PDB file of N, CA and C in Angstrom:
ATOM      1  N   MET A   1      44.887  16.229  12.416  1.00  0.00           N
ATOM      2  CA  MET A   1      43.822  15.602  11.721  1.00  0.00           C
ATOM      3  C   MET A   1      43.777  14.290  12.616  1.00  0.00           C
ATOM      4  N   LYS A   2      45.109  13.789  12.890  1.00  0.00           N
ATOM      5  CA  LYS A   2      45.267  12.364  13.490  1.00  0.00           C
ATOM      6  C   LYS A   2      44.816  12.469  14.811  1.00  0.00           C
ATOM      7  N   ILE A   3      44.899  13.594  15.227  1.00  0.00           N
ATOM      8  CA  ILE A   3      44.684  13.585  16.919  1.00  0.00           C
ATOM      9  C   ILE A   3      43.299  13.513  16.846  1.00  0.00           C
ATOM     10  N   ALA A   4      42.248  14.230  16.170  1.00  0.00           N
ATOM     11  CA  ALA A   4      41.023  14.187  15.978  1.00  0.00           C
ATOM     12  C   ALA A   4      40.557  12.860  15.791  1.00  0.00           C
ATOM     13  N   ALA A   5      40.954  12.303  14.769  1.00  0.00           N
ATOM     14  CA  ALA A   5      40.520  10.932  14.836  1.00  0.00           C
ATOM     15  C   ALA A   5      40.808  10.004  15.586  1.00  0.00           C
ATOM     16  N   SER A   6      41.859   9.897  16.348  1.00  0.00           N
ATOM     17  CA  SER A   6      42.074   9.089  17.503  1.00  0.00           C
ATOM     18  C   SER A   6      41.132   9.555  18.504  1.00  0.00           C
ATOM     19  N   ILE A   7      41.000  10.903  19.095  1.00  0.00           N
ATOM     20  CA  ILE A   7      39.851  11.070  19.878  1.00  0.00           C
ATOM     21  C   ILE A   7      38.676  10.535  19.445  1.00  0.00           C
ATOM     22  N   ALA A   8      38.228  10.553  18.458  1.00  0.00           N
ATOM     23  CA  ALA A   8      36.728  10.049  17.717  1.00  0.00           C
ATOM     24  C   ALA A   8      36.461   8.497  17.889  1.00  0.00           C
ATOM     25  N   LEU A   9      37.914   7.846  17.666  1.00  0.00           N
ATOM     26  CA  LEU A   9      37.809   6.518  17.776  1.00  0.00           C
ATOM     27  C   LEU A   9      38.037   5.849  19.132  1.00  0.00           C
ATOM     28  N   VAL A  10      38.636   6.468  19.920  1.00  0.00           N
ATOM     29  CA  VAL A  10      38.462   6.248  21.451  1.00  0.00           C
ATOM     30  C   VAL A  10      37.300   6.416  22.269  1.00  0.00           C
ATOM     31  N   ALA A  11      36.629   7.880  21.758  1.00  0.00           N
ATOM     32  CA  ALA A  11      35.305   7.992  21.954  1.00  0.00           C
ATOM     33  C   ALA A  11      34.229   6.989  21.692  1.00  0.00           C
ATOM     34  N   MET A  12      34.316   6.263  20.540  1.00  0.00           N
ATOM     35  CA  MET A  12      33.357   5.552  19.894  1.00  0.00           C
ATOM     36  C   MET A  12      33.260   4.123  20.933  1.00  0.00           C
ATOM     37  N   PHE A  13      34.681   3.796  21.134  1.00  0.00           N
ATOM     38  CA  PHE A  13      34.933   2.572  21.809  1.00  0.00           C
ATOM     39  C   PHE A  13      34.536   2.751  23.430  1.00  0.00           C
ATOM     40  N   ALA A  14      34.731   3.748  23.689  1.00  0.00           N
ATOM     41  CA  ALA A  14      34.276   4.224  25.081  1.00  0.00           C
ATOM     42  C   ALA A  14      32.822   4.193  25.287  1.00  0.00           C
ATOM     43  N   PHE A  15      31.871   4.507  24.677  1.00  0.00           N
ATOM     44  CA  PHE A  15      30.647   4.786  24.361  1.00  0.00           C
ATOM     45  C   PHE A  15      30.174   3.636  24.024  1.00  0.00           C
ATOM     46  N   THR A  16      30.400   2.849  23.275  1.00  0.00           N
ATOM     47  CA  THR A  16      29.649   1.410  22.778  1.00  0.00           C
ATOM     48  C   THR A  16      29.693   0.473  23.646  1.00  0.00           C
ATOM     49  N   GLY A  17      30.821   0.480  24.627  1.00  0.00           N
ATOM     50  CA  GLY A  17      30.863  -0.630  25.517  1.00  0.00           C
ATOM     51  C   GLY A  17      29.789  -0.673  26.652  1.00  0.00           C
ATOM     52  N   ALA A  18      29.385   0.847  27.231  1.00  0.00           N
ATOM     53  CA  ALA A  18      28.585   0.933  27.912  1.00  0.00           C
ATOM     54  C   ALA A  18      27.067   0.549  27.624  1.00  0.00           C
ATOM     55  N   ALA A  19      26.829   0.523  26.181  1.00  0.00           N
ATOM     56  CA  ALA A  19      25.662   0.181  25.717  1.00  0.00           C
ATOM     57  C   ALA A  19      25.575  -1.318  25.672  1.00  0.00           C
ATOM     58  N   TYR A  20      26.368  -2.138  25.716  1.00  0.00           N
ATOM     59  CA  TYR A  20      26.669  -3.595  25.808  1.00  0.00           C
ATOM     60  C   TYR A  20      26.394  -4.088  27.128  1.00  0.00           C
ATOM     61  N   ALA A  21      26.711  -3.187  28.161  1.00  0.00           N
ATOM     62  CA  ALA A  21      26.924  -3.571  29.573  1.00  0.00           C
ATOM     63  C   ALA A  21      25.428  -3.284  30.162  1.00  0.00           C
ATOM     64  N   GLN A  22      24.360  -2.976  29.295  1.00  0.00           N
ATOM     65  CA  GLN A  22      23.276  -2.862  30.113  1.00  0.00           C
ATOM     66  C   GLN A  22      22.555  -4.108  30.615  1.00  0.00           C
ATOM     67  N   GLN A  23      21.684  -4.281  31.471  1.00  0.00           N
ATOM     68  CA  GLN A  23      21.272  -5.455  32.439  1.00  0.00           C
ATOM     69  C   GLN A  23      19.970  -5.519  31.488  1.00  0.00           C
ATOM     70  N   PRO A  24      19.691  -6.925  31.089  1.00  0.00           N
ATOM     71  CA  PRO A  24      18.425  -7.311  30.606  1.00  0.00           C
ATOM     72  C   PRO A  24      17.131  -7.139  31.477  1.00  0.00           C
ATOM     73  N   ALA A  25      16.082  -6.719  30.850  1.00  0.00           N
ATOM     74  CA  ALA A  25      14.796  -6.473  31.303  1.00  0.00           C
ATOM     75  C   ALA A  25      14.425  -7.669  32.443  1.00  0.00           C
ATOM     76  N   ALA A  26      13.880  -7.551  33.650  1.00  0.00           N
ATOM     77  CA  ALA A  26      13.363  -8.621  34.414  1.00  0.00           C
ATOM     78  C   ALA A  26      11.849  -9.363  33.937  1.00  0.00           C
ATOM     79  N   PRO A  27      12.112 -10.487  33.810  1.00  0.00           N
ATOM     80  CA  PRO A  27      11.137 -11.450  33.154  1.00  0.00           C
ATOM     81  C   PRO A  27       9.584 -11.378  34.282  1.00  0.00           C
ATOM     82  N   ALA A  28       8.444 -10.889  33.482  1.00  0.00           N
ATOM     83  CA  ALA A  28       7.313 -10.915  34.363  1.00  0.00           C
ATOM     84  C   ALA A  28       7.130 -12.225  35.294  1.00  0.00           C
ATOM     85  N   ALA A  29       6.365 -11.961  36.351  1.00  0.00           N
ATOM     86  CA  ALA A  29       6.011 -13.026  37.211  1.00  0.00           C
ATOM     87  C   ALA A  29       5.012 -14.166  36.520  1.00  0.00           C
ATOM     88  N   PRO A  30       5.326 -15.208  36.285  1.00  0.00           N
ATOM     89  CA  PRO A  30       4.532 -16.231  35.643  1.00  0.00           C
ATOM     90  C   PRO A  30       3.283 -16.487  36.451  1.00  0.00           C
ATOM     91  N   ALA A  31       3.276 -16.450  37.649  1.00  0.00           N
ATOM     92  CA  ALA A  31       1.779 -16.585  38.273  1.00  0.00           C
ATOM     93  C   ALA A  31       0.679 -15.570  37.993  1.00  0.00           C
ATOM     94  N   ALA A  32       1.262 -14.414  37.870  1.00  0.00           N
ATOM     95  CA  ALA A  32       0.260 -13.228  37.394  1.00  0.00           C
ATOM     96  C   ALA A  32       0.027 -13.337  35.793  1.00  0.00           C
ATOM     97  N   ALA A  33       0.655 -13.963  35.136  1.00  0.00           N
ATOM     98  CA  ALA A  33       0.518 -13.625  33.763  1.00  0.00           C
ATOM     99  C   ALA A  33      -0.936 -14.270  33.251  1.00  0.00           C
ATOM    100  N   PRO A  34      -1.354 -15.350  33.682  1.00  0.00           N
ATOM    101  CA  PRO A  34      -2.619 -15.520  33.087  1.00  0.00           C
ATOM    102  C   PRO A  34      -3.950 -14.567  33.455  1.00  0.00           C
ATOM    103  N   ALA A  35      -3.825 -14.060  34.662  1.00  0.00           N
ATOM    104  CA  ALA A  35      -5.194 -13.197  34.703  1.00  0.00           C
ATOM    105  C   ALA A  35      -4.690 -11.766  34.152  1.00  0.00           C
ATOM    106  N   ALA A  36      -3.515 -11.433  33.783  1.00  0.00           N
ATOM    107  CA  ALA A  36      -3.266 -10.203  32.921  1.00  0.00           C
ATOM    108  C   ALA A  36      -3.610 -10.671  31.534  1.00  0.00           C
ATOM    109  N   ALA A  37      -3.452 -11.632  30.977  1.00  0.00           N
ATOM    110  CA  ALA A  37      -3.523 -12.048  29.680  1.00  0.00           C
ATOM    111  C   ALA A  37      -5.109 -12.104  29.219  1.00  0.00           C
ATOM    112  N   SER A  38      -5.882 -12.514  30.177  1.00  0.00           N
ATOM    113  CA  SER A  38      -7.113 -12.452  29.906  1.00  0.00           C
ATOM    114  C   SER A  38      -7.797 -11.174  29.686  1.00  0.00           C
ATOM    115  N   LYS A  39      -7.109  -9.835  30.185  1.00  0.00           N
ATOM    116  CA  LYS A  39      -7.612  -8.476  30.172  1.00  0.00           C
ATOM    117  C   LYS A  39      -7.455  -8.035  29.033  1.00  0.00           C
ATOM    118  N   ASP A  40      -5.986  -8.488  28.311  1.00  0.00           N
ATOM    119  CA  ASP A  40      -5.552  -7.925  27.018  1.00  0.00           C
ATOM    120  C   ASP A  40      -6.342  -8.254  25.650  1.00  0.00           C
ATOM    121  N   GLN A  41      -7.027  -9.582  26.069  1.00  0.00           N
ATOM    122  CA  GLN A  41      -7.695  -9.849  24.685  1.00  0.00           C
ATOM    123  C   GLN A  41      -9.090  -9.671  24.629  1.00  0.00           C
ATOM    124  N   PRO A  42      -9.638  -9.234  23.796  1.00  0.00           N
ATOM    125  CA  PRO A  42     -11.079  -8.612  23.649  1.00  0.00           C
ATOM    126  C   PRO A  42     -12.008 -10.094  24.029  1.00  0.00           C
ATOM    127  N   GLU A  43     -13.198  -9.594  24.454  1.00  0.00           N
ATOM    128  CA  GLU A  43     -14.131 -10.903  24.484  1.00  0.00           C
ATOM    129  C   GLU A  43     -14.535 -11.471  23.529  1.00  0.00           C
ATOM    130  N   ARG A  44     -14.693 -12.688  22.995  1.00  0.00           N
ATOM    131  CA  ARG A  44     -15.149 -13.199  21.926  1.00  0.00           C
ATOM    132  C   ARG A  44     -16.537 -13.185  21.799  1.00  0.00           C
ATOM    133  N   SER A  45     -17.204 -13.122  20.671  1.00  0.00           N
ATOM    134  CA  SER A  45     -18.605 -12.888  20.372  1.00  0.00           C
ATOM    135  C   SER A  45     -19.180 -14.576  20.584  1.00  0.00           C
ATOM    136  N   ALA A  46     -20.281 -14.405  20.782  1.00  0.00           N
ATOM    137  CA  ALA A  46     -21.222 -15.801  20.843  1.00  0.00           C
ATOM    138  C   ALA A  46     -21.083 -16.495  19.397  1.00  0.00           C
ATOM    139  N   LYS A  47     -21.066 -15.697  18.268  1.00  0.00           N
ATOM    140  CA  LYS A  47     -20.758 -16.530  17.045  1.00  0.00           C
ATOM    141  C   LYS A  47     -19.356 -17.109  17.103  1.00  0.00           C
ATOM    142  N   SER A  48     -18.521 -16.472  17.446  1.00  0.00           N
ATOM    143  CA  SER A  48     -17.026 -16.897  17.285  1.00  0.00           C
ATOM    144  C   SER A  48     -17.053 -18.048  18.249  1.00  0.00           C
ATOM    145  N   LEU A  49     -17.603 -17.952  19.369  1.00  0.00           N
ATOM    146  CA  LEU A  49     -17.474 -19.069  20.442  1.00  0.00           C
ATOM    147  C   LEU A  49     -18.163 -20.443  19.491  1.00  0.00           C
ATOM    148  N   GLU A  50     -19.291 -20.192  18.971  1.00  0.00           N
ATOM    149  CA  GLU A  50     -20.163 -21.446  18.264  1.00  0.00           C
ATOM    150  C   GLU A  50     -19.178 -21.757  17.264  1.00  0.00           C
ATOM    151  N   CYS A  51     -18.640 -21.046  16.572  1.00  0.00           N
ATOM    152  CA  CYS A  51     -17.728 -21.590  15.204  1.00  0.00           C
ATOM    153  C   CYS A  51     -16.513 -22.345  15.658  1.00  0.00           C
ATOM    154  N   SER A  52     -15.970 -21.873  16.809  1.00  0.00           N
ATOM    155  CA  SER A  52     -14.860 -22.647  17.384  1.00  0.00           C
ATOM    156  C   SER A  52     -15.174 -23.937  17.724  1.00  0.00           C
ATOM    157  N   LYS A  53     -16.507 -24.031  18.403  1.00  0.00           N
ATOM    158  CA  LYS A  53     -17.043 -25.391  18.984  1.00  0.00           C
ATOM    159  C   LYS A  53     -17.173 -26.364  18.059  1.00  0.00           C
ATOM    160  N   GLN A  54     -17.909 -25.280  16.979  1.00  0.00           N
ATOM    161  CA  GLN A  54     -18.001 -26.454  15.490  1.00  0.00           C
ATOM    162  C   GLN A  54     -16.722 -26.879  14.980  1.00  0.00           C
ATOM    163  N   ALA A  55     -15.680 -26.190  14.860  1.00  0.00           N
ATOM    164  CA  ALA A  55     -14.340 -26.432  14.179  1.00  0.00           C
ATOM    165  C   ALA A  55     -13.590 -27.445  15.067  1.00  0.00           C
ATOM    166  N   ASP A  56     -13.836 -27.327  16.595  1.00  0.00           N
ATOM    167  CA  ASP A  56     -13.540 -28.574  17.652  1.00  0.00           C
ATOM    168  C   ASP A  56     -13.979 -29.889  16.859  1.00  0.00           C
ATOM    169  N   ALA A  57     -15.157 -29.740  16.918  1.00  0.00           N
ATOM    170  CA  ALA A  57     -15.767 -30.988  16.815  1.00  0.00           C
ATOM    171  C   ALA A  57     -15.409 -31.797  15.218  1.00  0.00           C
ATOM    172  N   GLN A  58     -14.935 -30.618  14.349  1.00  0.00           N
ATOM    173  CA  GLN A  58     -14.624 -31.311  12.875  1.00  0.00           C
ATOM    174  C   GLN A  58     -13.198 -31.677  12.930  1.00  0.00           C
ATOM    175  N   ASN A  59     -12.517 -31.319  14.257  1.00  0.00           N
ATOM    176  CA  ASN A  59     -10.854 -31.569  14.078  1.00  0.00           C
ATOM    177  C   ASN A  59     -10.220 -31.071  13.357  1.00  0.00           C
ATOM    178  N   LEU A  60     -10.611 -29.399  13.521  1.00  0.00           N
ATOM    179  CA  LEU A  60      -9.890 -28.749  12.344  1.00  0.00           C
ATOM    180  C   LEU A  60      -8.607 -27.857  12.960  1.00  0.00           C
ATOM    181  N   HIS A  61      -7.566 -27.991  12.239  1.00  0.00           N
ATOM    182  CA  HIS A  61      -6.339 -27.366  13.043  1.00  0.00           C
ATOM    183  C   HIS A  61      -5.749 -26.553  11.941  1.00  0.00           C
ATOM    184  N   GLY A  62      -4.712 -25.312  12.175  1.00  0.00           N
ATOM    185  CA  GLY A  62      -4.203 -24.611  11.075  1.00  0.00           C
ATOM    186  C   GLY A  62      -4.861 -23.660   9.826  1.00  0.00           C
ATOM    187  N   LYS A  63      -4.527 -23.948   8.955  1.00  0.00           N
ATOM    188  CA  LYS A  63      -5.158 -23.177   7.589  1.00  0.00           C
ATOM    189  C   LYS A  63      -6.390 -23.537   7.490  1.00  0.00           C
ATOM    190  N   PRO A  64      -6.894 -25.002   7.549  1.00  0.00           N
ATOM    191  CA  PRO A  64      -8.339 -25.283   7.492  1.00  0.00           C
ATOM    192  C   PRO A  64      -9.199 -24.564   8.231  1.00  0.00           C
ATOM    193  N   ARG A  65      -8.809 -24.868   9.725  1.00  0.00           N
ATOM    194  CA  ARG A  65      -9.750 -24.055  10.822  1.00  0.00           C
ATOM    195  C   ARG A  65      -9.763 -22.598  10.487  1.00  0.00           C
ATOM    196  N   LYS A  66      -8.926 -22.092  10.206  1.00  0.00           N
ATOM    197  CA  LYS A  66      -9.067 -20.547  10.268  1.00  0.00           C
ATOM    198  C   LYS A  66      -9.942 -20.157   8.768  1.00  0.00           C
ATOM    199  N   HIS A  67      -9.831 -20.751   7.755  1.00  0.00           N
ATOM    200  CA  HIS A  67     -10.767 -20.829   6.555  1.00  0.00           C
ATOM    201  C   HIS A  67     -12.182 -20.884   7.084  1.00  0.00           C
ATOM    202  N   PHE A  68     -12.339 -22.320   7.810  1.00  0.00           N
ATOM    203  CA  PHE A  68     -13.741 -22.253   8.436  1.00  0.00           C
ATOM    204  C   PHE A  68     -14.372 -21.507   9.225  1.00  0.00           C
ATOM    205  N   MET A  69     -13.599 -21.046  10.217  1.00  0.00           N
ATOM    206  CA  MET A  69     -13.988 -19.740  11.034  1.00  0.00           C
ATOM    207  C   MET A  69     -14.025 -18.599  10.369  1.00  0.00           C
ATOM    208  N   SER A  70     -13.350 -18.389   9.502  1.00  0.00           N
ATOM    209  CA  SER A  70     -13.829 -16.907   8.529  1.00  0.00           C
ATOM    210  C   SER A  70     -15.031 -17.095   7.887  1.00  0.00           C
ATOM    211  N   LYS A  71     -15.220 -18.070   7.279  1.00  0.00           N
ATOM    212  CA  LYS A  71     -16.488 -18.418   6.472  1.00  0.00           C
ATOM    213  C   LYS A  71     -17.707 -18.685   7.629  1.00  0.00           C
ATOM    214  N   CYS A  72     -17.486 -19.281   8.822  1.00  0.00           N
ATOM    215  CA  CYS A  72     -18.677 -19.405   9.891  1.00  0.00           C
ATOM    216  C   CYS A  72     -19.020 -18.077  10.233  1.00  0.00           C
ATOM    217  N   LYS A  73     -18.097 -17.256  10.671  1.00  0.00           N
ATOM    218  CA  LYS A  73     -18.640 -16.141  10.914  1.00  0.00           C
ATOM    219  C   LYS A  73     -19.084 -14.992  10.214  1.00  0.00           C
ATOM    220  N   LYS A  74     -18.854 -15.514   8.886  1.00  0.00           N
ATOM    221  CA  LYS A  74     -19.658 -14.292   8.114  1.00  0.00           C
ATOM    222  C   LYS A  74     -20.865 -14.768   7.614  1.00  0.00           C
ATOM    223  N   ALA A  75     -21.215 -16.428   7.754  1.00  0.00           N
ATOM    224  CA  ALA A  75     -22.635 -16.876   7.512  1.00  0.00           C
ATOM    225  C   ALA A  75     -23.705 -16.254   8.647  1.00  0.00           C
TER     226      ALA A  75
END
């Protein structure tokens, strides 16, 4: 029984060390990121853009802006 437990313990240490030795993923190229990001986001409607301009004119930020945008889009 002690031999089986010892083997299991050694195997556990042997295999967990490999998991921590993996290389981190390479970061994406920053120059290509802006072009790719615009394709991932859906296009904004004319109503959304108009509401955003109105919120900018009123200098709204954070929760007040979110609340205003929600009401504006529903109107």
